[in-house]
Amino acid sequence: MSDCQDLGACGALLFPKVSDCQDLDACGALLYLKMSDCQDLGACGALMFPKMSDCQDLGACGALLYLKVSDCQDLGACGALLFPKMSDCKDLGACGALLFPKMSDCQDLGACGALLFPKMSDCQDLGACGALLFPKMSDCQDLGACGALLFPKMSYCKDLGACGALLFLKMSDCQDFGACGALLFPKMSDCQDLGACVRCIIVSQDE
């Protein structure tokens, strides 16, 4: 990741090949390899996955993430439609950040919210049940309540409210969200700030 200029500073550069974005106020958190069809999230926004064409607005076209997006009507407009099969959640603003294909156990994040991954049973609250993401979550105590517990082994981060948006398996270099923040992927060493570079995620495709 080397060519993006701003999300505060360098921003939410996530995936290995990021070259065409200048700003999130401009082009933003370009995540995945081939991105061409979205016009705006501030400007071009959180373009993530390779084929994006059916959503009209999150600001403008917004955080279109995964391949087939057709069933959600609103998160501002069509919103952060992420994953291919979405049918069971009714609201995050409207239908919201429906992410993963099988969602049935969470009751509320606004309404049904950012239900992400298929097996969610152990967290009690992020508004209600919240952004429960990955199947095995046991070590974090708070993001509002249990919060955005994402990946199975999380033990090294001390704060995002409490234990926060611990995402990926091995995290050791982050001290704060407001310092180094939501470190997501296992090999992370170069980011200093969210307001600086923070959400540097994948170091290189080969690593």
Protein backbone atom coordinates (compact mmCIF):
# COMPACT_ATOMS: atom_id res chain seq x y z
CA MET A 1 0.00 0.00 0.00
CA SER A 2 1.63 3.20 -1.06
CA ASP A 3 -0.43 5.43 -3.28
CA CYS A 4 -3.36 6.65 -1.24
CA GLN A 5 -3.00 10.05 0.32
CA ASP A 6 -5.72 10.51 2.82
CA LEU A 7 -8.19 9.06 5.26
CA GLY A 8 -7.06 11.52 7.80
CA ALA A 9 -3.66 10.60 6.34
CA CYS A 10 -3.35 7.35 4.43
CA GLY A 11 -6.48 5.70 5.74
CA ALA A 12 -8.20 2.40 5.45
CA LEU A 13 -5.92 0.82 2.92
CA LEU A 14 -6.91 -2.76 3.29
CA PHE A 15 -5.84 -5.05 0.54
CA PRO A 16 -2.61 -5.66 -1.29
CA LYS A 17 -2.87 -3.63 -4.45
CA VAL A 18 -4.06 -0.11 -3.89
CA SER A 19 -2.96 2.44 -6.45
CA ASP A 20 -5.72 4.57 -7.86
CA CYS A 21 -7.19 6.41 -4.91
CA GLN A 22 -6.13 9.78 -3.65
CA ASP A 23 -8.54 10.60 -0.86
CA LEU A 24 -11.63 9.57 1.11
CA ASP A 25 -13.14 12.93 0.45
CA ALA A 26 -11.77 11.97 -2.95
CA CYS A 27 -11.55 8.30 -3.77
CA GLY A 28 -10.97 6.75 -0.36
CA ALA A 29 -10.62 3.25 0.95
CA LEU A 30 -10.00 1.37 -2.26
CA LEU A 31 -9.76 -2.17 -1.08
CA TYR A 32 -9.80 -4.71 -3.83
CA LEU A 33 -8.06 -5.06 -7.08
CA LYS A 34 -10.42 -3.97 -9.81
CA MET A 35 -12.66 -1.02 -9.11
CA SER A 36 -14.24 1.14 -11.76
CA ASP A 37 -17.97 1.62 -11.45
CA CYS A 38 -18.64 3.60 -8.30
CA GLN A 39 -18.67 7.36 -8.30
CA ASP A 40 -18.89 8.57 -4.76
CA LEU A 41 -18.46 7.96 -1.04
CA GLY A 42 -17.55 11.53 -0.47
CA ALA A 43 -16.08 10.99 -3.96
CA CYS A 44 -15.49 7.40 -5.01
CA GLY A 45 -15.40 5.84 -1.58
CA ALA A 46 -14.93 2.42 -0.09
CA LEU A 47 -14.82 0.47 -3.30
CA MET A 48 -13.94 -2.99 -2.14
CA PHE A 49 -14.72 -5.82 -4.45
CA PRO A 50 -14.20 -6.31 -8.14
CA LYS A 51 -17.66 -6.09 -9.67
CA MET A 52 -19.86 -3.28 -8.46
CA SER A 53 -22.67 -1.86 -10.52
CA ASP A 54 -26.10 -2.03 -8.94
CA CYS A 55 -26.08 0.28 -5.94
CA GLN A 56 -26.74 3.97 -6.33
CA ASP A 57 -25.95 5.65 -3.08
CA LEU A 58 -24.01 5.65 0.17
CA GLY A 59 -23.27 9.30 -0.16
CA ALA A 60 -23.46 8.42 -3.86
CA CYS A 61 -22.52 4.87 -4.77
CA GLY A 62 -20.74 4.05 -1.57
CA ALA A 63 -19.32 0.99 0.07
CA LEU A 64 -20.26 -1.53 -2.57
CA LEU A 65 -18.32 -4.54 -1.52
CA TYR A 66 -19.27 -7.87 -2.96
CA LEU A 67 -20.34 -9.20 -6.28
CA LYS A 68 -24.11 -9.31 -6.34
CA VAL A 69 -25.98 -6.48 -4.72
CA SER A 70 -29.67 -6.20 -5.50
CA ASP A 71 -31.91 -6.82 -2.52
CA CYS A 72 -31.30 -3.96 -0.11
CA GLN A 73 -32.99 -0.61 -0.49
CA ASP A 74 -31.37 1.76 1.93
CA LEU A 75 -28.39 2.72 4.04
CA GLY A 76 -28.70 6.35 3.17
CA ALA A 77 -29.79 4.95 -0.21
CA CYS A 78 -28.65 1.44 -1.03
CA GLY A 79 -25.71 1.40 1.30
CA ALA A 80 -23.05 -1.01 2.36
CA LEU A 81 -24.40 -4.03 0.56
CA LEU A 82 -21.61 -6.43 1.02
CA PHE A 83 -22.17 -10.06 0.38
CA PRO A 84 -24.00 -11.99 -2.31
CA LYS A 85 -27.01 -13.53 -0.59
CA MET A 86 -28.99 -11.30 1.72
CA SER A 87 -32.60 -11.87 2.64
CA ASP A 88 -33.24 -12.05 6.36
CA CYS A 89 -32.36 -8.66 7.80
CA LYS A 90 -34.79 -5.79 7.64
CA ASP A 91 -33.05 -2.68 8.80
CA LEU A 92 -29.86 -0.73 9.43
CA GLY A 93 -31.38 2.59 8.54
CA ALA A 94 -33.37 0.48 6.07
CA CYS A 95 -31.76 -2.79 5.07
CA GLY A 96 -28.22 -1.76 5.82
CA ALA A 97 -24.91 -3.48 5.99
CA LEU A 98 -26.16 -6.95 5.23
CA LEU A 99 -22.96 -8.80 4.86
CA PHE A 100 -22.96 -12.53 4.92
CA PRO A 101 -25.31 -15.14 3.50
CA LYS A 102 -26.88 -16.74 6.57
CA MET A 103 -28.12 -14.37 9.22
CA SER A 104 -30.81 -15.30 11.65
CA ASP A 105 -29.79 -15.01 15.28
CA CYS A 106 -29.23 -11.33 15.96
CA GLN A 107 -32.12 -9.02 16.69
CA ASP A 108 -30.89 -5.48 16.61
CA LEU A 109 -28.35 -2.94 15.47
CA GLY A 110 -30.89 -0.22 14.79
CA ALA A 111 -33.09 -3.12 13.65
CA CYS A 112 -31.22 -6.23 12.57
CA GLY A 113 -28.05 -4.44 11.62
CA ALA A 114 -24.62 -5.48 10.58
CA LEU A 115 -25.20 -9.20 10.84
CA LEU A 116 -22.10 -10.51 9.26
CA PHE A 117 -21.18 -14.10 9.71
CA PRO A 118 -23.19 -17.30 9.84
CA LYS A 119 -22.90 -18.43 13.45
CA MET A 120 -23.48 -15.79 16.09
CA SER A 121 -24.60 -16.68 19.55
CA ASP A 122 -22.26 -15.46 22.26
CA CYS A 123 -22.45 -11.68 22.20
CA GLN A 124 -25.27 -9.82 23.85
CA ASP A 125 -25.03 -6.21 22.87
CA LEU A 126 -23.90 -3.60 20.39
CA GLY A 127 -27.09 -1.60 20.65
CA ALA A 128 -28.69 -5.05 20.92
CA CYS A 129 -26.70 -7.93 19.51
CA GLY A 130 -24.68 -5.84 17.12
CA ALA A 131 -21.90 -6.46 14.69
CA LEU A 132 -21.33 -10.06 15.62
CA LEU A 133 -19.07 -11.18 12.88
CA PHE A 134 -17.18 -14.38 13.29
CA PRO A 135 -18.08 -17.73 14.77
CA LYS A 136 -15.90 -18.01 17.86
CA MET A 137 -15.86 -14.98 20.11
CA SER A 138 -15.03 -15.17 23.76
CA ASP A 139 -12.18 -12.93 24.81
CA CYS A 140 -13.40 -9.38 24.35
CA GLN A 141 -15.52 -7.69 26.95
CA ASP A 142 -16.80 -4.49 25.53
CA LEU A 143 -17.60 -2.38 22.49
CA GLY A 144 -20.71 -0.86 23.96
CA ALA A 145 -21.23 -4.36 25.39
CA CYS A 146 -19.55 -7.20 23.53
CA GLY A 147 -19.34 -5.40 20.25
CA ALA A 148 -17.59 -5.94 17.00
CA LEU A 149 -15.91 -9.16 17.94
CA LEU A 150 -14.80 -10.42 14.62
CA PHE A 151 -12.24 -13.16 14.48
CA PRO A 152 -11.67 -16.23 16.60
CA LYS A 153 -8.49 -15.48 18.52
CA MET A 154 -8.27 -12.02 20.00
CA SER A 155 -6.25 -11.14 23.03
CA TYR A 156 -3.77 -8.33 22.42
CA CYS A 157 -5.74 -5.16 21.95
CA LYS A 158 -6.69 -3.11 24.95
CA ASP A 159 -9.05 -0.46 23.77
CA LEU A 160 -11.78 0.56 21.37
CA GLY A 161 -14.23 1.55 24.05
CA ALA A 162 -12.96 -1.53 25.90
CA CYS A 163 -11.54 -4.32 23.79
CA GLY A 164 -13.14 -3.15 20.61
CA ALA A 165 -12.96 -4.03 16.98
CA LEU A 166 -10.42 -6.79 17.31
CA LEU A 167 -10.60 -8.33 13.93
CA PHE A 168 -7.95 -10.74 12.83
CA LEU A 169 -5.97 -13.50 14.35
CA LYS A 170 -2.63 -12.17 15.44
CA MET A 171 -2.44 -8.59 16.62
CA SER A 172 0.43 -7.26 18.65
CA ASP A 173 1.52 -3.86 17.40
CA CYS A 174 -1.52 -1.71 18.02
CA GLN A 175 -1.92 0.40 21.10
CA ASP A 176 -5.04 2.41 20.56
CA PHE A 177 -7.84 3.41 18.23
CA GLY A 178 -6.90 6.99 18.20
CA ALA A 179 -3.35 5.66 18.03
CA CYS A 180 -3.01 2.66 15.77
CA GLY A 181 -6.55 1.36 15.95
CA ALA A 182 -8.41 -1.32 14.09
CA LEU A 183 -5.52 -3.43 12.97
CA LEU A 184 -7.19 -6.15 11.04
CA PHE A 185 -4.84 -8.58 9.44
CA PRO A 186 -2.05 -10.65 10.93
CA LYS A 187 1.03 -8.87 9.65
CA MET A 188 0.85 -5.20 10.43
CA SER A 189 3.68 -2.94 11.43
CA ASP A 190 3.74 0.27 9.43
CA CYS A 191 0.67 2.21 10.48
CA GLN A 192 0.71 4.76 13.23
CA ASP A 193 -2.67 6.41 13.49
CA LEU A 194 -6.31 6.60 12.40
CA GLY A 195 -6.04 10.22 11.76
CA ALA A 196 -2.72 9.15 10.30
CA CYS A 197 -2.47 5.77 8.62
CA VAL A 198 -4.34 3.36 10.91
CA ARG A 199 -6.26 0.68 9.20
CA CYS A 200 -3.38 -0.74 7.26
CA ILE A 201 -4.41 -4.31 6.88
CA ILE A 202 -2.69 -6.55 4.44
CA VAL A 203 0.99 -5.92 3.94
CA SER A 204 1.40 -7.62 0.62
CA GLN A 205 -0.34 -10.24 -1.42
CA ASP A 206 2.59 -12.58 -1.04
CA GLU A 207 2.98 -12.29 2.72
